[in-house]
Amino acid sequence: MKTSLLSIAAGIVMLAASVTASAQNRVKVGVSGGDGEVIWSKVKEVAKRQGLDVVVIVFNDYLLPNAALDAGDLDANAFQHRPFLENQIRARGYKIVAIADTIVEPIGLYSLHFKVVSALPDGAIIGFPNDPSNGGRALLLMQQQALIKLRDGVGILPSVRDIISNPKKLKFRELDAAQLPRSLPDLSAAVINTNYALEAKLSPTKDAIAVESRVNNPYGNVIAVRERDRDKPVIKALVAAYQSDEIRQFILSRFDGAILPVF
């Protein structure tokens, strides 16, 4: 009986150690649907070969992944560009940091009614994201296309209040970023984030009537974690899996230039 009890106890200890080791090699990552999910499915494969279990949790919202990370429901997220993260930190006080660069997705202006920017009529209704960072990004793209002029010194977070010239008297409709592709039939045009454009079968390289510059683009996406976790071995292993040559080549071949690696 004593031997049997000792054997059972030893088995319990070994099982507990196995569970602990498994937990230490598991990381939960929040990502956006569409292209984010596609890329991270491949990262999961690469990481598994390196002994890391990546649990991918998909969000179709730009606000929830940071709230989930801050609350401890995620170990990392990878859906946002640096200006968006910085704005969220200022607005909500998150103790979150960017630890690695991933991709850049040049944002585009799309229309189902007009083939070129110059064809947009007076009074055209333009949709764009209603969050400050992506909304500002949309306005900067419209300024690059000479549709509007913004006051000097607005940086990368302008709002409609910063428009000082609107020669075509464009009307602006701010919507949740995920709703813009569905709203496109009712708009003259819309500035749509690339992940949502690709989900809607819109190609930035073929369907957009204007796309922001790929050169020195400040809107590169990042992997973010809680500040206290940035040096954990499991987080460093996650970054290594993502920033591998295999993932770089996968992004280049899979998205045909619509999404570019920045690592």
Protein backbone atom coordinates (compact mmCIF):
# COMPACT_ATOMS: atom_id res chain seq x y z
CA MET A 1 0.00 0.00 0.00
CA LYS A 2 2.81 2.39 0.94
CA THR A 3 4.56 1.77 -2.37
CA SER A 4 1.33 2.32 -4.25
CA LEU A 5 0.65 5.60 -2.47
CA LEU A 6 4.20 6.76 -3.15
CA SER A 7 3.79 5.91 -6.82
CA ILE A 8 0.54 7.87 -7.00
CA ALA A 9 2.12 10.85 -5.26
CA ALA A 10 5.07 10.78 -7.64
CA GLY A 11 2.70 10.64 -10.58
CA ILE A 12 0.80 13.66 -9.31
CA VAL A 13 4.03 15.63 -8.91
CA MET A 14 5.13 14.69 -12.43
CA LEU A 15 1.73 15.66 -13.87
CA ALA A 16 1.81 19.01 -12.07
CA ALA A 17 5.31 19.67 -13.37
CA SER A 18 4.20 18.77 -16.89
CA VAL A 19 1.20 21.13 -16.69
CA THR A 20 3.42 23.94 -15.36
CA ALA A 21 5.97 23.44 -18.11
CA SER A 22 3.20 23.42 -20.70
CA ALA A 23 1.76 26.67 -19.35
CA GLN A 24 5.20 28.26 -19.42
CA ASN A 25 5.48 27.44 -23.13
CA ARG A 26 2.03 28.73 -24.05
CA VAL A 27 1.25 32.30 -25.09
CA LYS A 28 -2.15 33.79 -25.91
CA VAL A 29 -2.06 36.42 -28.67
CA GLY A 30 -4.92 38.68 -29.72
CA VAL A 31 -4.99 39.48 -33.44
CA SER A 32 -7.33 41.06 -35.96
CA GLY A 33 -9.43 38.92 -38.28
CA GLY A 34 -8.57 38.50 -41.93
CA ASP A 35 -4.90 38.99 -42.78
CA GLY A 36 -3.86 39.07 -39.13
CA GLU A 37 -5.41 35.68 -38.56
CA VAL A 38 -3.76 34.31 -41.73
CA ILE A 39 -0.29 35.50 -40.73
CA TRP A 40 -0.59 34.31 -37.15
CA SER A 41 -1.77 30.88 -38.23
CA LYS A 42 1.59 30.57 -39.98
CA VAL A 43 3.44 31.99 -36.96
CA LYS A 44 1.72 29.32 -34.84
CA GLU A 45 3.21 26.63 -37.12
CA VAL A 46 6.71 28.10 -36.90
CA ALA A 47 6.49 28.52 -33.13
CA LYS A 48 5.26 24.96 -32.60
CA ARG A 49 8.40 23.59 -34.23
CA GLN A 50 10.37 25.62 -31.69
CA GLY A 51 8.42 24.23 -28.73
CA LEU A 52 6.11 27.24 -28.26
CA ASP A 53 2.33 26.85 -28.17
CA VAL A 54 0.74 30.01 -29.60
CA VAL A 55 -2.98 30.35 -28.90
CA VAL A 56 -4.44 32.79 -31.45
CA ILE A 57 -7.53 34.74 -30.36
CA VAL A 58 -9.26 36.71 -33.11
CA PHE A 59 -10.92 40.10 -32.56
CA ASN A 60 -13.06 42.07 -35.00
CA ASP A 61 -12.71 45.27 -33.03
CA TYR A 62 -9.84 47.71 -32.48
CA LEU A 63 -10.57 48.49 -28.82
CA LEU A 64 -11.00 45.09 -27.17
CA PRO A 65 -7.50 43.60 -27.74
CA ASN A 66 -5.73 46.22 -25.62
CA ALA A 67 -8.38 45.99 -22.88
CA ALA A 68 -7.97 42.20 -22.86
CA LEU A 69 -4.18 42.47 -22.73
CA ASP A 70 -4.27 45.00 -19.91
CA ALA A 71 -6.71 42.80 -17.96
CA GLY A 72 -4.43 39.76 -18.25
CA ASP A 73 -6.68 37.79 -20.60
CA LEU A 74 -3.94 37.88 -23.27
CA ASP A 75 -0.17 37.61 -23.09
CA ALA A 76 0.36 39.75 -26.18
CA ASN A 77 -1.51 41.33 -29.06
CA ALA A 78 -0.57 42.15 -32.64
CA PHE A 79 -3.19 44.17 -34.47
CA GLN A 80 -2.28 47.85 -34.16
CA HIS A 81 0.19 50.40 -35.41
CA ARG A 82 2.32 52.50 -33.07
CA PRO A 83 0.24 55.73 -33.24
CA PHE A 84 -2.91 53.79 -32.31
CA LEU A 85 -1.18 52.14 -29.35
CA GLU A 86 0.29 55.45 -28.17
CA ASN A 87 -3.13 57.09 -28.33
CA GLN A 88 -4.71 54.22 -26.39
CA ILE A 89 -2.05 54.47 -23.69
CA ARG A 90 -2.66 58.21 -23.32
CA ALA A 91 -6.43 57.82 -23.29
CA ARG A 92 -6.74 54.75 -21.04
CA GLY A 93 -3.55 54.59 -19.02
CA TYR A 94 -2.58 51.10 -20.17
CA LYS A 95 0.78 49.76 -19.00
CA ILE A 96 1.43 48.28 -22.43
CA VAL A 97 4.55 48.56 -24.60
CA ALA A 98 5.46 47.76 -28.19
CA ILE A 99 8.29 45.22 -28.28
CA ALA A 100 8.63 44.25 -31.95
CA ASP A 101 7.77 45.48 -35.44
CA THR A 102 5.64 43.28 -37.69
CA ILE A 103 4.02 44.67 -40.85
CA VAL A 104 2.88 47.85 -42.51
CA GLU A 105 -0.48 47.94 -44.27
CA PRO A 106 -0.74 51.11 -46.38
CA ILE A 107 -4.26 52.46 -45.95
CA GLY A 108 -6.32 53.12 -49.08
CA LEU A 109 -9.19 55.21 -50.43
CA TYR A 110 -11.80 53.02 -52.14
CA SER A 111 -14.87 53.77 -54.22
CA LEU A 112 -17.49 51.66 -55.96
CA HIS A 113 -18.66 54.68 -57.96
CA PHE A 114 -15.54 56.50 -59.14
CA LYS A 115 -12.35 55.19 -60.75
CA VAL A 116 -10.01 58.09 -59.92
CA VAL A 117 -9.76 60.65 -57.14
CA SER A 118 -10.28 63.56 -59.52
CA ALA A 119 -13.72 62.21 -60.44
CA LEU A 120 -15.08 62.68 -56.92
CA PRO A 121 -17.82 65.34 -57.24
CA ASP A 122 -18.53 68.39 -55.12
CA GLY A 123 -20.31 67.35 -51.96
CA ALA A 124 -19.03 63.76 -52.12
CA ILE A 125 -19.53 61.75 -48.93
CA ILE A 126 -16.27 60.26 -47.65
CA GLY A 127 -16.23 57.62 -44.93
CA PHE A 128 -13.26 57.08 -42.66
CA PRO A 129 -12.43 55.37 -39.33
CA ASN A 130 -13.81 57.00 -36.20
CA ASP A 131 -10.81 56.32 -33.94
CA PRO A 132 -8.34 59.24 -33.62
CA SER A 133 -5.24 57.56 -35.03
CA ASN A 134 -6.81 55.92 -38.09
CA GLY A 135 -9.10 58.88 -38.65
CA GLY A 136 -6.08 61.15 -38.67
CA ARG A 137 -4.33 58.79 -41.03
CA ALA A 138 -7.31 59.01 -43.40
CA LEU A 139 -7.26 62.80 -43.34
CA LEU A 140 -3.55 62.86 -44.12
CA LEU A 141 -4.17 60.59 -47.11
CA MET A 142 -6.88 62.94 -48.35
CA GLN A 143 -4.51 65.87 -47.96
CA GLN A 144 -1.87 63.99 -49.98
CA GLN A 145 -4.47 63.68 -52.73
CA ALA A 146 -5.19 67.45 -52.58
CA LEU A 147 -8.79 66.85 -51.53
CA ILE A 148 -8.36 68.89 -48.35
CA LYS A 149 -5.73 70.99 -46.61
CA LEU A 150 -4.94 70.64 -42.92
CA ARG A 151 -3.51 73.35 -40.72
CA ASP A 152 0.25 73.30 -40.26
CA GLY A 153 1.70 71.33 -37.39
CA VAL A 154 -1.10 68.80 -36.93
CA GLY A 155 1.31 65.86 -36.82
CA ILE A 156 -0.17 62.40 -37.37
CA LEU A 157 -3.36 62.85 -35.34
CA PRO A 158 -5.40 65.53 -37.15
CA SER A 159 -9.17 65.70 -36.86
CA VAL A 160 -11.84 67.25 -39.09
CA ARG A 161 -11.47 70.40 -36.96
CA ASP A 162 -7.99 70.81 -38.45
CA ILE A 163 -9.29 71.11 -42.03
CA ILE A 164 -8.67 74.66 -43.27
CA SER A 165 -9.54 74.11 -46.93
CA ASN A 166 -12.14 71.80 -48.49
CA PRO A 167 -12.56 73.02 -52.08
CA LYS A 168 -14.98 70.25 -53.09
CA LYS A 169 -17.03 70.73 -49.92
CA LEU A 170 -16.64 67.07 -49.11
CA LYS A 171 -18.85 65.63 -46.39
CA PHE A 172 -17.28 63.31 -43.88
CA ARG A 173 -18.85 60.31 -42.19
CA GLU A 174 -16.89 58.78 -39.33
CA LEU A 175 -17.70 55.09 -38.82
CA ASP A 176 -16.30 52.12 -36.98
CA ALA A 177 -13.41 50.86 -39.10
CA ALA A 178 -14.95 47.40 -39.49
CA GLN A 179 -18.18 48.87 -40.90
CA LEU A 180 -16.58 50.85 -43.71
CA PRO A 181 -16.43 48.07 -46.37
CA ARG A 182 -20.12 47.29 -45.80
CA SER A 183 -20.98 50.98 -46.01
CA LEU A 184 -19.05 51.55 -49.23
CA PRO A 185 -22.14 51.27 -51.53
CA ASP A 186 -23.73 54.20 -49.67
CA LEU A 187 -20.62 56.39 -49.75
CA SER A 188 -18.87 58.22 -52.55
CA ALA A 189 -15.61 56.76 -51.23
CA ALA A 190 -14.11 55.53 -47.99
CA VAL A 191 -10.68 55.24 -46.42
CA ILE A 192 -10.43 51.63 -45.27
CA ASN A 193 -7.77 49.89 -43.21
CA THR A 194 -6.09 47.16 -45.24
CA ASN A 195 -7.08 44.27 -42.96
CA TYR A 196 -10.77 45.13 -43.41
CA ALA A 197 -10.30 45.84 -47.11
CA LEU A 198 -8.77 42.40 -47.68
CA GLU A 199 -11.59 40.75 -45.72
CA ALA A 200 -14.01 42.46 -48.12
CA LYS A 201 -12.01 41.19 -51.14
CA LEU A 202 -10.66 44.66 -51.91
CA SER A 203 -7.05 44.84 -53.03
CA PRO A 204 -5.03 47.95 -52.09
CA THR A 205 -2.88 47.48 -55.18
CA LYS A 206 -5.77 46.94 -57.61
CA ASP A 207 -8.95 48.48 -56.18
CA ALA A 208 -7.88 51.53 -54.20
CA ILE A 209 -8.07 54.88 -55.99
CA ALA A 210 -5.38 56.22 -53.66
CA VAL A 211 -2.93 54.56 -51.25
CA GLU A 212 -0.63 56.14 -48.70
CA SER A 213 3.12 55.93 -49.24
CA ARG A 214 4.97 52.75 -48.35
CA VAL A 215 8.22 54.69 -47.83
CA ASN A 216 8.94 55.90 -44.27
CA ASN A 217 5.40 54.98 -43.30
CA PRO A 218 4.93 55.76 -39.57
CA TYR A 219 2.05 53.31 -39.21
CA GLY A 220 3.98 50.08 -38.84
CA ASN A 221 2.22 47.44 -36.76
CA VAL A 222 3.71 45.99 -33.59
CA ILE A 223 3.56 43.17 -31.09
CA ALA A 224 2.54 44.63 -27.73
CA VAL A 225 2.72 43.19 -24.21
CA ARG A 226 2.29 44.37 -20.65
CA GLU A 227 5.36 46.30 -19.48
CA ARG A 228 6.16 43.76 -16.77
CA ASP A 229 6.21 40.88 -19.27
CA ARG A 230 8.48 42.34 -21.94
CA ASP A 231 11.57 40.32 -20.92
CA LYS A 232 9.89 36.97 -20.37
CA PRO A 233 11.54 34.12 -22.34
CA VAL A 234 8.18 33.07 -23.80
CA ILE A 235 7.67 36.58 -25.20
CA LYS A 236 11.14 36.65 -26.71
CA ALA A 237 10.45 33.26 -28.29
CA LEU A 238 7.20 34.63 -29.74
CA VAL A 239 9.00 37.57 -31.33
CA ALA A 240 11.68 35.28 -32.75
CA ALA A 241 9.02 33.07 -34.35
CA TYR A 242 7.30 36.05 -35.95
CA GLN A 243 10.46 37.81 -37.10
CA SER A 244 11.78 34.73 -38.86
CA ASP A 245 12.71 34.59 -42.51
CA GLU A 246 9.97 32.03 -43.05
CA ILE A 247 7.30 34.51 -41.93
CA ARG A 248 8.88 37.33 -43.95
CA GLN A 249 8.74 35.26 -47.13
CA PHE A 250 5.20 34.10 -46.34
CA ILE A 251 3.97 37.70 -46.04
CA LEU A 252 5.67 38.76 -49.26
CA SER A 253 4.29 35.86 -51.27
CA ARG A 254 0.82 35.65 -49.70
CA PHE A 255 -0.26 39.30 -49.95
CA ASP A 256 1.30 40.42 -53.24
CA GLY A 257 2.58 43.74 -51.88
CA ALA A 258 -0.61 44.78 -50.06
CA ILE A 259 1.11 44.02 -46.76
CA LEU A 260 4.84 44.39 -46.20
CA PRO A 261 7.08 43.03 -43.43
CA VAL A 262 8.98 45.71 -41.49
CA PHE A 263 11.45 43.52 -39.62
